[in-house]
Structure formats: structure tokens, C-alpha cells
Amino acid sequence: ANACGVNVSVSMMIIILLANVLLSVGTPGIPGGAIASFAALAT
């Protein structure tokens, strides 16, 4: 976000943090399992 000049508000940070916790629980324990989670959070 900083590298691309995207402003992430505090409220959005909280939403991303909550979604991050939920997505991380469902991340499979295999190589590259977090890529899908990052794609969702980046969107």
C-alpha cells in the first residue's frame, strides 16, 4: 500500500486485520497456501 501510494484508512486496517485472522485460520499447511489469502486482502 505504501509502495503503490494507496491510502489505507484506520477503519479499513481494522477490517483487513479481522479478515486476515479468519483467512489465516483457513490457510492450508502447504507451500504457497497463503497466496490466495493475500489476493483476497489485496483486493
ModelCIF file with pLDDT and N, C-alpha, C, O atoms, coordinates in Angstrom:
data_MODEL
#
_entry.id   MODEL 
#
_entity.id                         1 
_entity.type                       polymer 
_entity.pdbx_number_of_molecules   1 
#
_entity_poly.entity_id                      1 
_entity_poly.type                           'polypeptide(L)' 
_entity_poly.nstd_linkage                   no 
_entity_poly.nstd_monomer                   no 
_entity_poly.pdbx_seq_one_letter_code       ANACGVNVSVSMMIIILLANVLLSVGTPGIPGGAIASFAALAT 
_entity_poly.pdbx_seq_one_letter_code_can   ANACGVNVSVSMMIIILLANVLLSVGTPGIPGGAIASFAALAT 
_entity_poly.pdbx_strand_id                 A 
#
loop_
_entity_poly_seq.entity_id 
_entity_poly_seq.num 
_entity_poly_seq.mon_id 
_entity_poly_seq.hetero 
1 1  ALA n 
1 2  ASN n 
1 3  ALA n 
1 4  CYS n 
1 5  GLY n 
1 6  VAL n 
1 7  ASN n 
1 8  VAL n 
1 9  SER n 
1 10 VAL n 
1 11 SER n 
1 12 MET n 
1 13 MET n 
1 14 ILE n 
1 15 ILE n 
1 16 ILE n 
1 17 LEU n 
1 18 LEU n 
1 19 ALA n 
1 20 ASN n 
1 21 VAL n 
1 22 LEU n 
1 23 LEU n 
1 24 SER n 
1 25 VAL n 
1 26 GLY n 
1 27 THR n 
1 28 PRO n 
1 29 GLY n 
1 30 ILE n 
1 31 PRO n 
1 32 GLY n 
1 33 GLY n 
1 34 ALA n 
1 35 ILE n 
1 36 ALA n 
1 37 SER n 
1 38 PHE n 
1 39 ALA n 
1 40 ALA n 
1 41 LEU n 
1 42 ALA n 
1 43 THR n 
#
_struct_asym.id          A 
_struct_asym.entity_id   1 
#
loop_
_ma_qa_metric.id 
_ma_qa_metric.mode 
_ma_qa_metric.name 
_ma_qa_metric.software_group_id 
_ma_qa_metric.type 
1 global pLDDT . pLDDT 
2 local  pLDDT . pLDDT 
#
_ma_qa_metric_global.metric_id      1 
_ma_qa_metric_global.metric_value   81.23 
_ma_qa_metric_global.model_id       1 
_ma_qa_metric_global.ordinal_id     1 
#
loop_
_ma_qa_metric_local.label_asym_id 
_ma_qa_metric_local.label_comp_id 
_ma_qa_metric_local.label_seq_id 
_ma_qa_metric_local.metric_id 
_ma_qa_metric_local.metric_value 
_ma_qa_metric_local.model_id 
_ma_qa_metric_local.ordinal_id 
A ALA 1  2 89.00 1 1  
A ASN 2  2 87.00 1 2  
A ALA 3  2 82.00 1 3  
A CYS 4  2 86.00 1 4  
A GLY 5  2 86.00 1 5  
A VAL 6  2 88.00 1 6  
A ASN 7  2 88.00 1 7  
A VAL 8  2 85.00 1 8  
A SER 9  2 86.00 1 9  
A VAL 10 2 85.00 1 10 
A SER 11 2 89.00 1 11 
A MET 12 2 85.00 1 12 
A MET 13 2 85.00 1 13 
A ILE 14 2 87.00 1 14 
A ILE 15 2 87.00 1 15 
A ILE 16 2 84.00 1 16 
A LEU 17 2 83.00 1 17 
A LEU 18 2 86.00 1 18 
A ALA 19 2 85.00 1 19 
A ASN 20 2 81.00 1 20 
A VAL 21 2 80.00 1 21 
A LEU 22 2 81.00 1 22 
A LEU 23 2 78.00 1 23 
A SER 24 2 73.00 1 24 
A VAL 25 2 73.00 1 25 
A GLY 26 2 68.00 1 26 
A THR 27 2 72.00 1 27 
A PRO 28 2 66.00 1 28 
A GLY 29 2 62.00 1 29 
A ILE 30 2 65.00 1 30 
A PRO 31 2 67.00 1 31 
A GLY 32 2 70.00 1 32 
A GLY 33 2 71.00 1 33 
A ALA 34 2 79.00 1 34 
A ILE 35 2 81.00 1 35 
A ALA 36 2 81.00 1 36 
A SER 37 2 84.00 1 37 
A PHE 38 2 88.00 1 38 
A ALA 39 2 86.00 1 39 
A ALA 40 2 87.00 1 40 
A LEU 41 2 89.00 1 41 
A ALA 42 2 89.00 1 42 
A THR 43 2 89.00 1 43 
#
loop_
_atom_site.group_PDB 
_atom_site.id 
_atom_site.type_symbol 
_atom_site.label_atom_id 
_atom_site.label_alt_id 
_atom_site.label_comp_id 
_atom_site.label_asym_id 
_atom_site.label_entity_id 
_atom_site.label_seq_id 
_atom_site.pdbx_PDB_ins_code 
_atom_site.Cartn_x 
_atom_site.Cartn_y 
_atom_site.Cartn_z 
_atom_site.occupancy 
_atom_site.B_iso_or_equiv 
_atom_site.pdbx_formal_charge 
_atom_site.auth_seq_id 
_atom_site.auth_comp_id 
_atom_site.auth_asym_id 
_atom_site.auth_atom_id 
_atom_site.pdbx_PDB_model_num 
ATOM 1   N N  . ALA A 1 1  ? 0.837   -1.206  0.000  1.00 89.00 ? 1  ALA A N  1 
ATOM 2   C CA . ALA A 1 1  ? 0.000   0.000   0.000  1.00 89.00 ? 1  ALA A CA 1 
ATOM 3   C C  . ALA A 1 1  ? 0.870   1.253   0.000  1.00 89.00 ? 1  ALA A C  1 
ATOM 4   O O  . ALA A 1 1  ? 0.595   2.196   -0.741 1.00 89.00 ? 1  ALA A O  1 
ATOM 5   N N  . ASN A 1 2  ? 1.915   1.270   0.823  1.00 87.00 ? 2  ASN A N  1 
ATOM 6   C CA . ASN A 1 2  ? 2.838   2.418   0.846  1.00 87.00 ? 2  ASN A CA 1 
ATOM 7   C C  . ASN A 1 2  ? 3.607   2.534   -0.460 1.00 87.00 ? 2  ASN A C  1 
ATOM 8   O O  . ASN A 1 2  ? 3.810   3.636   -0.972 1.00 87.00 ? 2  ASN A O  1 
ATOM 9   N N  . ALA A 1 3  ? 4.037   1.392   -1.002 1.00 82.00 ? 3  ALA A N  1 
ATOM 10  C CA . ALA A 1 3  ? 4.809   1.413   -2.246 1.00 82.00 ? 3  ALA A CA 1 
ATOM 11  C C  . ALA A 1 3  ? 3.980   1.910   -3.424 1.00 82.00 ? 3  ALA A C  1 
ATOM 12  O O  . ALA A 1 3  ? 4.507   2.563   -4.325 1.00 82.00 ? 3  ALA A O  1 
ATOM 13  N N  . CYS A 1 4  ? 2.683   1.603   -3.420 1.00 86.00 ? 4  CYS A N  1 
ATOM 14  C CA . CYS A 1 4  ? 1.803   1.985   -4.536 1.00 86.00 ? 4  CYS A CA 1 
ATOM 15  C C  . CYS A 1 4  ? 1.075   3.295   -4.284 1.00 86.00 ? 4  CYS A C  1 
ATOM 16  O O  . CYS A 1 4  ? 0.310   3.746   -5.136 1.00 86.00 ? 4  CYS A O  1 
ATOM 17  N N  . GLY A 1 5  ? 1.297   3.915   -3.129 1.00 86.00 ? 5  GLY A N  1 
ATOM 18  C CA . GLY A 1 5  ? 0.632   5.173   -2.830 1.00 86.00 ? 5  GLY A CA 1 
ATOM 19  C C  . GLY A 1 5  ? -0.842  5.031   -2.528 1.00 86.00 ? 5  GLY A C  1 
ATOM 20  O O  . GLY A 1 5  ? -1.614  5.967   -2.738 1.00 86.00 ? 5  GLY A O  1 
ATOM 21  N N  . VAL A 1 6  ? -1.246  3.859   -2.033 1.00 88.00 ? 6  VAL A N  1 
ATOM 22  C CA . VAL A 1 6  ? -2.653  3.619   -1.699 1.00 88.00 ? 6  VAL A CA 1 
ATOM 23  C C  . VAL A 1 6  ? -2.862  3.967   -0.233 1.00 88.00 ? 6  VAL A C  1 
ATOM 24  O O  . VAL A 1 6  ? -2.163  3.454   0.641  1.00 88.00 ? 6  VAL A O  1 
ATOM 25  N N  . ASN A 1 7  ? -3.826  4.841   0.029  1.00 88.00 ? 7  ASN A N  1 
ATOM 26  C CA . ASN A 1 7  ? -4.124  5.253   1.397  1.00 88.00 ? 7  ASN A CA 1 
ATOM 27  C C  . ASN A 1 7  ? -5.072  4.252   2.044  1.00 88.00 ? 7  ASN A C  1 
ATOM 28  O O  . ASN A 1 7  ? -6.202  4.077   1.587  1.00 88.00 ? 7  ASN A O  1 
ATOM 29  N N  . VAL A 1 8  ? -4.619  3.604   3.094  1.00 85.00 ? 8  VAL A N  1 
ATOM 30  C CA . VAL A 1 8  ? -5.448  2.643   3.817  1.00 85.00 ? 8  VAL A CA 1 
ATOM 31  C C  . VAL A 1 8  ? -5.891  3.290   5.119  1.00 85.00 ? 8  VAL A C  1 
ATOM 32  O O  . VAL A 1 8  ? -5.069  3.564   5.993  1.00 85.00 ? 8  VAL A O  1 
ATOM 33  N N  . SER A 1 9  ? -7.193  3.535   5.248  1.00 86.00 ? 9  SER A N  1 
ATOM 34  C CA . SER A 1 9  ? -7.726  4.200   6.431  1.00 86.00 ? 9  SER A CA 1 
ATOM 35  C C  . SER A 1 9  ? -7.661  3.281   7.647  1.00 86.00 ? 9  SER A C  1 
ATOM 36  O O  . SER A 1 9  ? -7.454  2.073   7.526  1.00 86.00 ? 9  SER A O  1 
ATOM 37  N N  . VAL A 1 10 ? -7.844  3.891   8.834  1.00 85.00 ? 10 VAL A N  1 
ATOM 38  C CA . VAL A 1 10 ? -7.808  3.111   10.064 1.00 85.00 ? 10 VAL A CA 1 
ATOM 39  C C  . VAL A 1 10 ? -8.936  2.086   10.087 1.00 85.00 ? 10 VAL A C  1 
ATOM 40  O O  . VAL A 1 10 ? -8.731  0.945   10.502 1.00 85.00 ? 10 VAL A O  1 
ATOM 41  N N  . SER A 1 11 ? -10.116 2.484   9.648  1.00 89.00 ? 11 SER A N  1 
ATOM 42  C CA . SER A 1 11 ? -11.243 1.547   9.623  1.00 89.00 ? 11 SER A CA 1 
ATOM 43  C C  . SER A 1 11 ? -10.972 0.375   8.679  1.00 89.00 ? 11 SER A C  1 
ATOM 44  O O  . SER A 1 11 ? -11.321 -0.766  8.981  1.00 89.00 ? 11 SER A O  1 
ATOM 45  N N  . MET A 1 12 ? -10.347 0.664   7.533  1.00 85.00 ? 12 MET A N  1 
ATOM 46  C CA . MET A 1 12 ? -10.007 -0.399  6.599  1.00 85.00 ? 12 MET A CA 1 
ATOM 47  C C  . MET A 1 12 ? -8.931  -1.312  7.185  1.00 85.00 ? 12 MET A C  1 
ATOM 48  O O  . MET A 1 12 ? -8.955  -2.522  6.962  1.00 85.00 ? 12 MET A O  1 
ATOM 49  N N  . MET A 1 13 ? -7.985  -0.732  7.938  1.00 85.00 ? 13 MET A N  1 
ATOM 50  C CA . MET A 1 13 ? -6.965  -1.553  8.601  1.00 85.00 ? 13 MET A CA 1 
ATOM 51  C C  . MET A 1 13 ? -7.601  -2.551  9.554  1.00 85.00 ? 13 MET A C  1 
ATOM 52  O O  . MET A 1 13 ? -7.186  -3.708  9.617  1.00 85.00 ? 13 MET A O  1 
ATOM 53  N N  . ILE A 1 14 ? -8.614  -2.101  10.300 1.00 87.00 ? 14 ILE A N  1 
ATOM 54  C CA . ILE A 1 14 ? -9.293  -2.977  11.247 1.00 87.00 ? 14 ILE A CA 1 
ATOM 55  C C  . ILE A 1 14 ? -10.024 -4.094  10.508 1.00 87.00 ? 14 ILE A C  1 
ATOM 56  O O  . ILE A 1 14 ? -9.987  -5.254  10.919 1.00 87.00 ? 14 ILE A O  1 
ATOM 57  N N  . ILE A 1 15 ? -10.694 -3.725  9.402  1.00 87.00 ? 15 ILE A N  1 
ATOM 58  C CA . ILE A 1 15 ? -11.418 -4.730  8.613  1.00 87.00 ? 15 ILE A CA 1 
ATOM 59  C C  . ILE A 1 15 ? -10.442 -5.759  8.039  1.00 87.00 ? 15 ILE A C  1 
ATOM 60  O O  . ILE A 1 15 ? -10.700 -6.963  8.068  1.00 87.00 ? 15 ILE A O  1 
ATOM 61  N N  . ILE A 1 16 ? -9.321  -5.266  7.519  1.00 84.00 ? 16 ILE A N  1 
ATOM 62  C CA . ILE A 1 16 ? -8.312  -6.166  6.950  1.00 84.00 ? 16 ILE A CA 1 
ATOM 63  C C  . ILE A 1 16 ? -7.732  -7.070  8.030  1.00 84.00 ? 16 ILE A C  1 
ATOM 64  O O  . ILE A 1 16 ? -7.481  -8.250  7.786  1.00 84.00 ? 16 ILE A O  1 
ATOM 65  N N  . LEU A 1 17 ? -7.516  -6.517  9.232  1.00 83.00 ? 17 LEU A N  1 
ATOM 66  C CA . LEU A 1 17 ? -6.970  -7.306  10.335 1.00 83.00 ? 17 LEU A CA 1 
ATOM 67  C C  . LEU A 1 17 ? -7.921  -8.430  10.718 1.00 83.00 ? 17 LEU A C  1 
ATOM 68  O O  . LEU A 1 17 ? -7.491  -9.565  10.922 1.00 83.00 ? 17 LEU A O  1 
ATOM 69  N N  . LEU A 1 18 ? -9.218  -8.120  10.818 1.00 86.00 ? 18 LEU A N  1 
ATOM 70  C CA . LEU A 1 18 ? -10.201 -9.154  11.171 1.00 86.00 ? 18 LEU A CA 1 
ATOM 71  C C  . LEU A 1 18 ? -10.297 -10.216 10.072 1.00 86.00 ? 18 LEU A C  1 
ATOM 72  O O  . LEU A 1 18 ? -10.335 -11.414 10.349 1.00 86.00 ? 18 LEU A O  1 
ATOM 73  N N  . ALA A 1 19 ? -10.337 -9.745  8.806  1.00 85.00 ? 19 ALA A N  1 
ATOM 74  C CA . ALA A 1 19 ? -10.383 -10.701 7.692  1.00 85.00 ? 19 ALA A CA 1 
ATOM 75  C C  . ALA A 1 19 ? -9.105  -11.526 7.632  1.00 85.00 ? 19 ALA A C  1 
ATOM 76  O O  . ALA A 1 19 ? -9.125  -12.703 7.271  1.00 85.00 ? 19 ALA A O  1 
ATOM 77  N N  . ASN A 1 20 ? -8.006  -10.900 7.988  1.00 81.00 ? 20 ASN A N  1 
ATOM 78  C CA . ASN A 1 20 ? -6.710  -11.585 7.993  1.00 81.00 ? 20 ASN A CA 1 
ATOM 79  C C  . ASN A 1 20 ? -6.712  -12.762 8.955  1.00 81.00 ? 20 ASN A C  1 
ATOM 80  O O  . ASN A 1 20 ? -6.227  -13.845 8.628  1.00 81.00 ? 20 ASN A O  1 
ATOM 81  N N  . VAL A 1 21 ? -7.267  -12.540 10.156 1.00 80.00 ? 21 VAL A N  1 
ATOM 82  C CA . VAL A 1 21 ? -7.315  -13.606 11.160 1.00 80.00 ? 21 VAL A CA 1 
ATOM 83  C C  . VAL A 1 21 ? -8.166  -14.774 10.660 1.00 80.00 ? 21 VAL A C  1 
ATOM 84  O O  . VAL A 1 21 ? -7.777  -15.934 10.797 1.00 80.00 ? 21 VAL A O  1 
ATOM 85  N N  . LEU A 1 22 ? -9.326  -14.462 10.082 1.00 81.00 ? 22 LEU A N  1 
ATOM 86  C CA . LEU A 1 22 ? -10.221 -15.518 9.592  1.00 81.00 ? 22 LEU A CA 1 
ATOM 87  C C  . LEU A 1 22 ? -9.592  -16.282 8.431  1.00 81.00 ? 22 LEU A C  1 
ATOM 88  O O  . LEU A 1 22 ? -9.675  -17.508 8.370  1.00 81.00 ? 22 LEU A O  1 
ATOM 89  N N  . LEU A 1 23 ? -8.960  -15.550 7.509  1.00 78.00 ? 23 LEU A N  1 
ATOM 90  C CA . LEU A 1 23 ? -8.348  -16.202 6.351  1.00 78.00 ? 23 LEU A CA 1 
ATOM 91  C C  . LEU A 1 23 ? -7.150  -17.052 6.755  1.00 78.00 ? 23 LEU A C  1 
ATOM 92  O O  . LEU A 1 23 ? -6.932  -18.127 6.195  1.00 78.00 ? 23 LEU A O  1 
ATOM 93  N N  . SER A 1 24 ? -6.377  -16.577 7.720  1.00 73.00 ? 24 SER A N  1 
ATOM 94  C CA . SER A 1 24 ? -5.178  -17.325 8.134  1.00 73.00 ? 24 SER A CA 1 
ATOM 95  C C  . SER A 1 24 ? -5.551  -18.657 8.761  1.00 73.00 ? 24 SER A C  1 
ATOM 96  O O  . SER A 1 24 ? -4.819  -19.635 8.609  1.00 73.00 ? 24 SER A O  1 
ATOM 97  N N  . VAL A 1 25 ? -6.686  -18.713 9.470  1.00 73.00 ? 25 VAL A N  1 
ATOM 98  C CA . VAL A 1 25 ? -7.121  -19.973 10.069 1.00 73.00 ? 25 VAL A CA 1 
ATOM 99  C C  . VAL A 1 25 ? -7.421  -21.008 8.998  1.00 73.00 ? 25 VAL A C  1 
ATOM 100 O O  . VAL A 1 25 ? -7.183  -22.200 9.193  1.00 73.00 ? 25 VAL A O  1 
ATOM 101 N N  . GLY A 1 26 ? -7.946  -20.550 7.862  1.00 68.00 ? 26 GLY A N  1 
ATOM 102 C CA . GLY A 1 26 ? -8.285  -21.473 6.780  1.00 68.00 ? 26 GLY A CA 1 
ATOM 103 C C  . GLY A 1 26 ? -7.181  -21.715 5.785  1.00 68.00 ? 26 GLY A C  1 
ATOM 104 O O  . GLY A 1 26 ? -7.385  -22.421 4.796  1.00 68.00 ? 26 GLY A O  1 
ATOM 105 N N  . THR A 1 27 ? -6.013  -21.147 6.020  1.00 72.00 ? 27 THR A N  1 
ATOM 106 C CA . THR A 1 27 ? -4.900  -21.332 5.089  1.00 72.00 ? 27 THR A CA 1 
ATOM 107 C C  . THR A 1 27 ? -4.349  -22.752 5.188  1.00 72.00 ? 27 THR A C  1 
ATOM 108 O O  . THR A 1 27 ? -4.034  -23.200 6.290  1.00 72.00 ? 27 THR A O  1 
ATOM 109 N N  . PRO A 1 28 ? -4.224  -23.469 4.083  1.00 66.00 ? 28 PRO A N  1 
ATOM 110 C CA . PRO A 1 28 ? -3.703  -24.847 4.152  1.00 66.00 ? 28 PRO A CA 1 
ATOM 111 C C  . PRO A 1 28 ? -2.230  -24.862 4.513  1.00 66.00 ? 28 PRO A C  1 
ATOM 112 O O  . PRO A 1 28 ? -1.493  -23.927 4.201  1.00 66.00 ? 28 PRO A O  1 
ATOM 113 N N  . GLY A 1 29 ? -1.804  -25.940 5.179  1.00 62.00 ? 29 GLY A N  1 
ATOM 114 C CA . GLY A 1 29 ? -0.409  -26.051 5.605  1.00 62.00 ? 29 GLY A CA 1 
ATOM 115 C C  . GLY A 1 29 ? 0.489   -26.609 4.532  1.00 62.00 ? 29 GLY A C  1 
ATOM 116 O O  . GLY A 1 29 ? 1.208   -27.581 4.764  1.00 62.00 ? 29 GLY A O  1 
ATOM 117 N N  . ILE A 1 30 ? 0.460   -26.003 3.353  1.00 65.00 ? 30 ILE A N  1 
ATOM 118 C CA . ILE A 1 30 ? 1.274   -26.436 2.216  1.00 65.00 ? 30 ILE A CA 1 
ATOM 119 C C  . ILE A 1 30 ? 2.009   -25.231 1.650  1.00 65.00 ? 30 ILE A C  1 
ATOM 120 O O  . ILE A 1 30 ? 1.601   -24.098 1.906  1.00 65.00 ? 30 ILE A O  1 
ATOM 121 N N  . PRO A 1 31 ? 3.090   -25.439 0.884  1.00 67.00 ? 31 PRO A N  1 
ATOM 122 C CA . PRO A 1 31 ? 3.798   -24.296 0.288  1.00 67.00 ? 31 PRO A CA 1 
ATOM 123 C C  . PRO A 1 31 ? 2.881   -23.462 -0.600 1.00 67.00 ? 31 PRO A C  1 
ATOM 124 O O  . PRO A 1 31 ? 2.144   -23.998 -1.427 1.00 67.00 ? 31 PRO A O  1 
ATOM 125 N N  . GLY A 1 32 ? 2.935   -22.138 -0.416 1.00 70.00 ? 32 GLY A N  1 
ATOM 126 C CA . GLY A 1 32 ? 2.121   -21.238 -1.231 1.00 70.00 ? 32 GLY A CA 1 
ATOM 127 C C  . GLY A 1 32 ? 0.675   -21.140 -0.802 1.00 70.00 ? 32 GLY A C  1 
ATOM 128 O O  . GLY A 1 32 ? -0.147  -20.558 -1.509 1.00 70.00 ? 32 GLY A O  1 
ATOM 129 N N  . GLY A 1 33 ? 0.356   -21.705 0.357  1.00 71.00 ? 33 GLY A N  1 
ATOM 130 C CA . GLY A 1 33 ? -1.031  -21.697 0.803  1.00 71.00 ? 33 GLY A CA 1 
ATOM 131 C C  . GLY A 1 33 ? -1.566  -20.321 1.123  1.00 71.00 ? 33 GLY A C  1 
ATOM 132 O O  . GLY A 1 33 ? -2.781  -20.122 1.134  1.00 71.00 ? 33 GLY A O  1 
ATOM 133 N N  . ALA A 1 34 ? -0.676  -19.348 1.387  1.00 79.00 ? 34 ALA A N  1 
ATOM 134 C CA . ALA A 1 34 ? -1.118  -18.004 1.775  1.00 79.00 ? 34 ALA A CA 1 
ATOM 135 C C  . ALA A 1 34 ? -1.359  -17.091 0.580  1.00 79.00 ? 34 ALA A C  1 
ATOM 136 O O  . ALA A 1 34 ? -1.830  -15.969 0.761  1.00 79.00 ? 34 ALA A O  1 
ATOM 137 N N  . ILE A 1 35 ? -1.049  -17.537 -0.634 1.00 81.00 ? 35 ILE A N  1 
ATOM 138 C CA . ILE A 1 35 ? -1.189  -16.669 -1.807 1.00 81.00 ? 35 ILE A CA 1 
ATOM 139 C C  . ILE A 1 35 ? -2.641  -16.248 -2.019 1.00 81.00 ? 35 ILE A C  1 
ATOM 140 O O  . ILE A 1 35 ? -2.927  -15.084 -2.303 1.00 81.00 ? 35 ILE A O  1 
ATOM 141 N N  . ALA A 1 36 ? -3.555  -17.211 -1.879 1.00 81.00 ? 36 ALA A N  1 
ATOM 142 C CA . ALA A 1 36 ? -4.975  -16.892 -2.066 1.00 81.00 ? 36 ALA A CA 1 
ATOM 143 C C  . ALA A 1 36 ? -5.454  -15.897 -1.015 1.00 81.00 ? 36 ALA A C  1 
ATOM 144 O O  . ALA A 1 36 ? -6.251  -15.009 -1.317 1.00 81.00 ? 36 ALA A O  1 
ATOM 145 N N  . SER A 1 37 ? -4.975  -16.041 0.206  1.00 84.00 ? 37 SER A N  1 
ATOM 146 C CA . SER A 1 37 ? -5.357  -15.105 1.268  1.00 84.00 ? 37 SER A CA 1 
ATOM 147 C C  . SER A 1 37 ? -4.861  -13.696 0.954  1.00 84.00 ? 37 SER A C  1 
ATOM 148 O O  . SER A 1 37 ? -5.578  -12.716 1.153  1.00 84.00 ? 37 SER A O  1 
ATOM 149 N N  . PHE A 1 38 ? -3.625  -13.607 0.461  1.00 88.00 ? 38 PHE A N  1 
ATOM 150 C CA . PHE A 1 38 ? -3.085  -12.299 0.119  1.00 88.00 ? 38 PHE A CA 1 
ATOM 151 C C  . PHE A 1 38 ? -3.876  -11.654 -1.017 1.00 88.00 ? 38 PHE A C  1 
ATOM 152 O O  . PHE A 1 38 ? -4.118  -10.448 -0.999 1.00 88.00 ? 38 PHE A O  1 
ATOM 153 N N  . ALA A 1 39 ? -4.276  -12.452 -1.999 1.00 86.00 ? 39 ALA A N  1 
ATOM 154 C CA . ALA A 1 39 ? -5.051  -11.920 -3.113 1.00 86.00 ? 39 ALA A CA 1 
ATOM 155 C C  . ALA A 1 39 ? -6.367  -11.323 -2.626 1.00 86.00 ? 39 ALA A C  1 
ATOM 156 O O  . ALA A 1 39 ? -6.780  -10.261 -3.091 1.00 86.00 ? 39 ALA A O  1 
ATOM 157 N N  . ALA A 1 40 ? -7.029  -12.010 -1.687 1.00 87.00 ? 40 ALA A N  1 
ATOM 158 C CA . ALA A 1 40 ? -8.295  -11.508 -1.152 1.00 87.00 ? 40 ALA A CA 1 
ATOM 159 C C  . ALA A 1 40 ? -8.082  -10.215 -0.366 1.00 87.00 ? 40 ALA A C  1 
ATOM 160 O O  . ALA A 1 40 ? -8.844  -9.260  -0.519 1.00 87.00 ? 40 ALA A O  1 
ATOM 161 N N  . LEU A 1 41 ? -7.047  -10.184 0.474  1.00 89.00 ? 41 LEU A N  1 
ATOM 162 C CA . LEU A 1 41 ? -6.787  -8.995  1.275  1.00 89.00 ? 41 LEU A CA 1 
ATOM 163 C C  . LEU A 1 41 ? -6.330  -7.821  0.415  1.00 89.00 ? 41 LEU A C  1 
ATOM 164 O O  . LEU A 1 41 ? -6.691  -6.676  0.687  1.00 89.00 ? 41 LEU A O  1 
ATOM 165 N N  . ALA A 1 42 ? -5.535  -8.100  -0.626 1.00 89.00 ? 42 ALA A N  1 
ATOM 166 C CA . ALA A 1 42 ? -5.079  -7.042  -1.519 1.00 89.00 ? 42 ALA A CA 1 
ATOM 167 C C  . ALA A 1 42 ? -6.256  -6.393  -2.249 1.00 89.00 ? 42 ALA A C  1 
ATOM 168 O O  . ALA A 1 42 ? -6.274  -5.180  -2.454 1.00 89.00 ? 42 ALA A O  1 
ATOM 169 N N  . THR A 1 43 ? -7.221  -7.195  -2.633 1.00 89.00 ? 43 THR A N  1 
ATOM 170 C CA . THR A 1 43 ? -8.418  -6.650  -3.286 1.00 89.00 ? 43 THR A CA 1 
ATOM 171 C C  . THR A 1 43 ? -9.207  -5.777  -2.321 1.00 89.00 ? 43 THR A C  1 
ATOM 172 O O  . THR A 1 43 ? -10.246 -5.231  -2.690 1.00 89.00 ? 43 THR A O  1 
#
